[in-house]
Amino acid sequence: MTSLVCPHCDSAFDSDKRLARADVTECKLCQQKFVVTQSTLKSYKKAMPEKTTSPSMPHSIEKPSKINCPHCSAGLEGQMSTGQIVECSQCHKQFEATPERLNNTTPVLAKADISPNEVVSRKSKSKLGMLALIFLALVVIFPFIVPDSNPVGADTDTTAAKTTIDPNAPENFFSGWNGSNKELVDLVKSTMNDPDSFEHVETRFSDKGNSLSILMTYRGKNGFNATITNSVSADLNKATRQLSNLQQR
């Protein structure tokens, strides 16, 4: 059993339950609920005399006041007046009921009432906002960092001409490794006694427009297994890549 004083009607009564601070109970006289605090646990001697009502007039109950704890922002409700020292039912810290705090009736969510899901949701929104801010900064800064691939004043026609590949360009008909012409090399190997002994020495050419005049110097083994150096010339048609006028030098 716990002795209590109702903060709404100042009535003293005994609760059938064993209550402690921060528990919620209900007044047996006015039926108003309140949070058990140090002040409501006062003895009957310190409590105000119980108000009496006449049979013809109902009991008068004042509207409870609302206040927010300045320490943990918990919303409190009870019979309070300006200058009264109030003890928070959540953090159990005391503070003065000033007119500004009593007039602020906007409910404030206490820190203890925030669920873990709401905390995670707030953190996720904060991370998303930070990522969006970084992305926006990159979009704004990126054009100033990357150099312009076509600077102002550049000759666009010349640039386009450099990137266009000419299929009839002489370099397209010779190896980038040793400068030999594949068609002429294959033809020479087909006439040798030992094709595996072929060794390219040098290839020269002259561009005739639709054809190329090629002179190739090479080494290889003859029928007596002796390595000799020979030269061969031929004309190469660019369109058909056919050889003609083959001559040994």
Protein backbone atom coordinates (compact mmCIF):
# COMPACT_ATOMS: atom_id res chain seq x y z
CA MET A 1 0.00 0.00 0.00
CA THR A 2 1.24 3.50 -0.91
CA SER A 3 0.08 6.82 0.50
CA LEU A 4 -0.39 9.48 -2.18
CA VAL A 5 -1.58 13.05 -2.68
CA CYS A 6 -3.42 13.79 -5.95
CA PRO A 7 -1.79 16.77 -7.79
CA HIS A 8 -5.15 17.63 -9.42
CA CYS A 9 -7.53 17.83 -6.47
CA ASP A 10 -5.02 17.69 -3.55
CA SER A 11 -6.85 14.69 -2.10
CA ALA A 12 -4.91 12.23 0.06
CA PHE A 13 -5.63 8.53 -0.50
CA ASP A 14 -4.05 5.12 -0.18
CA SER A 15 -3.29 3.07 -3.28
CA ASP A 16 -3.78 -0.69 -3.12
CA LYS A 17 -0.59 -1.14 -5.13
CA ARG A 18 2.98 -0.56 -4.08
CA LEU A 19 4.04 2.39 -6.24
CA ALA A 20 7.33 4.15 -6.84
CA ARG A 21 8.40 7.31 -8.62
CA ALA A 22 7.63 7.45 -12.39
CA ASP A 23 4.67 5.01 -11.99
CA VAL A 24 1.28 6.12 -13.31
CA THR A 25 -1.79 5.85 -11.10
CA GLU A 26 -5.32 7.26 -10.82
CA CYS A 27 -6.88 9.40 -8.13
CA LYS A 28 -9.68 7.62 -6.31
CA LEU A 29 -11.65 10.86 -5.90
CA CYS A 30 -11.37 12.84 -9.18
CA GLN A 31 -10.43 9.83 -11.37
CA GLN A 32 -7.56 11.84 -12.94
CA LYS A 33 -4.38 10.00 -13.85
CA PHE A 34 -0.99 11.36 -12.77
CA VAL A 35 2.67 10.37 -12.52
CA VAL A 36 3.97 9.46 -9.09
CA THR A 37 6.68 11.96 -8.06
CA GLN A 38 8.39 12.94 -4.84
CA SER A 39 5.72 15.57 -4.18
CA THR A 40 2.79 13.12 -4.65
CA LEU A 41 4.41 10.68 -2.20
CA LYS A 42 4.16 13.25 0.68
CA SER A 43 2.52 12.16 3.90
CA TYR A 44 -1.04 13.13 4.79
CA LYS A 45 0.19 15.67 7.32
CA LYS A 46 1.89 17.75 4.60
CA ALA A 47 -1.02 17.41 2.19
CA MET A 48 -3.64 20.10 1.91
CA PRO A 49 -6.99 19.45 3.62
CA GLU A 50 -9.36 17.49 1.49
CA LYS A 51 -11.86 19.73 -0.23
CA THR A 52 -15.47 19.18 0.71
CA THR A 53 -18.37 19.62 -1.61
CA SER A 54 -21.96 20.18 -0.82
CA PRO A 55 -24.51 17.62 -2.02
CA SER A 56 -26.12 20.22 -4.28
CA MET A 57 -22.87 21.30 -6.04
CA PRO A 58 -20.53 18.99 -7.96
CA HIS A 59 -16.85 18.85 -7.04
CA SER A 60 -14.85 21.55 -8.88
CA ILE A 61 -11.75 20.31 -10.69
CA GLU A 62 -9.33 22.73 -12.31
CA LYS A 63 -7.89 21.94 -15.75
CA PRO A 64 -4.35 20.52 -15.40
CA SER A 65 -1.40 22.46 -16.79
CA LYS A 66 1.10 21.17 -19.34
CA ILE A 67 4.82 21.84 -19.26
CA ASN A 68 7.92 20.49 -20.97
CA CYS A 69 10.99 19.45 -18.99
CA PRO A 70 13.95 21.70 -19.99
CA HIS A 71 16.39 18.83 -19.28
CA CYS A 72 14.96 15.93 -21.34
CA SER A 73 12.02 17.66 -23.16
CA ALA A 74 9.53 15.21 -21.65
CA GLY A 75 5.91 16.41 -21.68
CA LEU A 76 4.45 16.69 -18.16
CA GLU A 77 0.87 17.32 -17.07
CA GLY A 78 -0.48 18.30 -13.68
CA GLN A 79 -1.70 21.10 -11.42
CA MET A 80 1.16 23.63 -11.60
CA SER A 81 1.54 27.34 -11.02
CA THR A 82 4.18 29.93 -11.80
CA GLY A 83 7.24 29.67 -9.53
CA GLN A 84 6.50 26.10 -8.45
CA ILE A 85 9.43 23.64 -8.39
CA VAL A 86 8.52 20.66 -10.58
CA GLU A 87 10.23 17.28 -10.64
CA CYS A 88 10.35 15.53 -14.02
CA SER A 89 8.89 12.02 -14.00
CA GLN A 90 11.34 10.92 -16.70
CA CYS A 91 14.78 12.24 -15.73
CA HIS A 92 13.80 13.06 -12.08
CA LYS A 93 15.46 16.48 -12.31
CA GLN A 94 13.83 19.55 -10.78
CA PHE A 95 13.12 22.86 -12.53
CA GLU A 96 11.03 25.99 -11.98
CA ALA A 97 7.63 26.37 -13.69
CA THR A 98 8.14 29.73 -15.38
CA PRO A 99 5.34 31.49 -17.30
CA GLU A 100 7.14 30.79 -20.58
CA ARG A 101 7.31 27.06 -19.90
CA LEU A 102 3.68 26.91 -18.74
CA ASN A 103 2.45 28.80 -21.82
CA ASN A 104 4.30 26.44 -24.18
CA THR A 105 1.67 23.76 -24.55
CA THR A 106 3.13 22.28 -27.73
CA PRO A 107 3.86 18.61 -26.94
CA VAL A 108 7.53 17.74 -27.25
CA LEU A 109 8.59 14.15 -27.79
CA ALA A 110 10.79 13.02 -24.96
CA LYS A 111 14.14 11.48 -25.71
CA ALA A 112 13.03 8.29 -24.01
CA ASP A 113 9.98 8.07 -26.34
CA ILE A 114 12.07 7.92 -29.54
CA SER A 115 12.04 4.37 -30.85
CA PRO A 116 15.19 2.70 -32.24
CA ASN A 117 13.56 2.51 -35.68
CA GLU A 118 13.05 6.29 -35.67
CA VAL A 119 16.70 6.82 -34.71
CA VAL A 120 17.90 4.59 -37.59
CA SER A 121 15.52 6.35 -39.96
CA ARG A 122 16.89 9.76 -38.98
CA LYS A 123 20.48 8.57 -39.46
CA SER A 124 19.61 7.11 -42.90
CA LYS A 125 17.99 10.36 -43.98
CA SER A 126 21.05 12.27 -42.78
CA LYS A 127 23.40 10.01 -44.83
CA LEU A 128 21.20 10.31 -47.92
CA GLY A 129 21.19 14.08 -47.58
CA MET A 130 24.99 14.14 -47.30
CA LEU A 131 25.37 11.91 -50.40
CA ALA A 132 22.98 14.12 -52.36
CA LEU A 133 24.99 17.20 -51.37
CA ILE A 134 28.28 15.55 -52.49
CA PHE A 135 26.72 14.48 -55.81
CA LEU A 136 25.46 18.01 -56.45
CA ALA A 137 28.91 19.44 -55.68
CA LEU A 138 30.53 17.02 -58.15
CA VAL A 139 28.04 17.96 -60.87
CA VAL A 140 28.85 21.64 -60.39
CA ILE A 141 32.66 21.26 -60.10
CA PHE A 142 33.25 18.48 -62.69
CA PRO A 143 33.02 20.70 -65.83
CA PHE A 144 35.75 22.97 -64.43
CA ILE A 145 38.12 20.05 -63.66
CA VAL A 146 37.89 18.01 -66.91
CA PRO A 147 39.66 19.78 -69.82
CA ASP A 148 37.64 20.64 -72.89
CA SER A 149 38.25 18.03 -75.59
CA ASN A 150 37.54 20.68 -78.26
CA PRO A 151 39.09 23.97 -77.02
CA VAL A 152 37.90 27.28 -78.34
CA GLY A 153 39.69 28.29 -81.55
CA ALA A 154 40.71 24.74 -82.53
CA ASP A 155 40.37 23.78 -86.16
CA THR A 156 37.54 21.25 -86.06
CA ASP A 157 38.05 20.21 -89.68
CA THR A 158 41.74 19.41 -89.04
CA THR A 159 40.87 17.42 -85.91
CA ALA A 160 38.27 15.39 -87.80
CA ALA A 161 40.75 14.73 -90.61
CA LYS A 162 43.32 13.39 -88.13
CA THR A 163 40.87 10.91 -86.67
CA THR A 164 39.72 9.64 -90.10
CA ILE A 165 41.48 6.44 -91.20
CA ASP A 166 42.50 6.33 -94.88
CA PRO A 167 42.21 2.70 -96.09
CA ASN A 168 44.69 3.43 -98.92
CA ALA A 169 47.37 4.90 -96.65
CA PRO A 170 50.74 3.11 -97.29
CA GLU A 171 51.22 2.20 -93.63
CA ASN A 172 48.14 -0.03 -93.83
CA PHE A 173 50.02 -2.46 -96.12
CA PHE A 174 53.12 -3.00 -93.96
CA SER A 175 53.83 -4.63 -90.62
CA GLY A 176 54.14 -2.27 -87.68
CA TRP A 177 56.72 -4.64 -86.15
CA ASN A 178 59.40 -4.99 -88.90
CA GLY A 179 57.92 -3.02 -91.85
CA SER A 180 57.48 -6.07 -94.12
CA ASN A 181 54.61 -6.67 -96.55
CA LYS A 182 52.70 -9.86 -95.72
CA GLU A 183 51.68 -10.62 -99.32
CA LEU A 184 55.27 -10.39 -100.59
CA VAL A 185 56.68 -12.38 -97.65
CA ASP A 186 54.16 -15.21 -98.20
CA LEU A 187 54.96 -15.30 -101.92
CA VAL A 188 58.73 -15.48 -101.35
CA LYS A 189 58.40 -18.22 -98.72
CA SER A 190 56.36 -20.33 -101.13
CA THR A 191 59.31 -20.39 -103.54
CA MET A 192 62.06 -21.16 -100.99
CA ASN A 193 63.65 -24.58 -100.32
CA ASP A 194 63.46 -23.94 -96.55
CA PRO A 195 60.63 -21.46 -95.75
CA ASP A 196 61.42 -21.68 -92.03
CA SER A 197 64.85 -20.16 -92.66
CA PHE A 198 63.31 -16.92 -94.01
CA GLU A 199 64.59 -13.81 -92.25
CA HIS A 200 63.38 -10.33 -93.18
CA VAL A 201 66.11 -7.72 -93.51
CA GLU A 202 64.55 -4.56 -94.97
CA THR A 203 61.56 -3.37 -97.00
CA ARG A 204 61.37 -0.15 -99.01
CA PHE A 205 58.44 1.15 -101.04
CA SER A 206 57.23 4.03 -103.18
CA ASP A 207 53.59 5.14 -103.39
CA LYS A 208 52.20 5.20 -106.95
CA GLY A 209 48.65 6.24 -105.98
CA ASN A 210 46.63 3.10 -106.71
CA SER A 211 49.62 0.78 -106.20
CA LEU A 212 52.87 0.43 -104.25
CA SER A 213 56.32 -0.47 -105.64
CA ILE A 214 57.98 -2.68 -103.01
CA LEU A 215 61.63 -3.75 -102.70
CA MET A 216 62.34 -6.36 -100.00
CA THR A 217 65.72 -7.71 -98.84
CA TYR A 218 65.76 -11.06 -97.01
CA ARG A 219 67.98 -13.99 -96.01
CA GLY A 220 67.38 -17.73 -96.27
CA LYS A 221 68.94 -21.14 -96.95
CA ASN A 222 69.33 -22.40 -100.51
CA GLY A 223 69.43 -26.01 -101.78
CA PHE A 224 72.96 -26.45 -100.46
CA ASN A 225 71.87 -25.40 -96.95
CA ALA A 226 73.84 -22.17 -97.24
CA THR A 227 72.36 -18.89 -95.99
CA ILE A 228 72.26 -16.25 -98.71
CA THR A 229 70.84 -12.73 -98.99
CA ASN A 230 68.45 -11.90 -101.81
CA SER A 231 66.28 -8.96 -102.90
CA VAL A 232 62.94 -9.08 -104.65
CA SER A 233 60.69 -6.34 -106.07
CA ALA A 234 56.99 -6.30 -106.92
CA ASP A 235 54.00 -4.03 -107.43
CA LEU A 236 51.05 -4.26 -104.99
CA ASN A 237 47.53 -3.20 -106.03
CA LYS A 238 45.95 -1.32 -103.08
CA ALA A 239 42.38 -2.24 -103.96
CA THR A 240 42.89 -5.99 -104.56
CA ARG A 241 46.16 -6.46 -102.60
CA GLN A 242 47.44 -8.54 -105.57
CA LEU A 243 51.17 -8.64 -106.48
CA SER A 244 52.54 -8.23 -110.01
CA ASN A 245 55.88 -7.68 -111.79
CA LEU A 246 57.77 -9.93 -109.35
CA GLN A 247 61.53 -9.72 -110.04
CA GLN A 248 64.61 -11.11 -108.28
CA ARG A 249 67.46 -8.61 -107.79
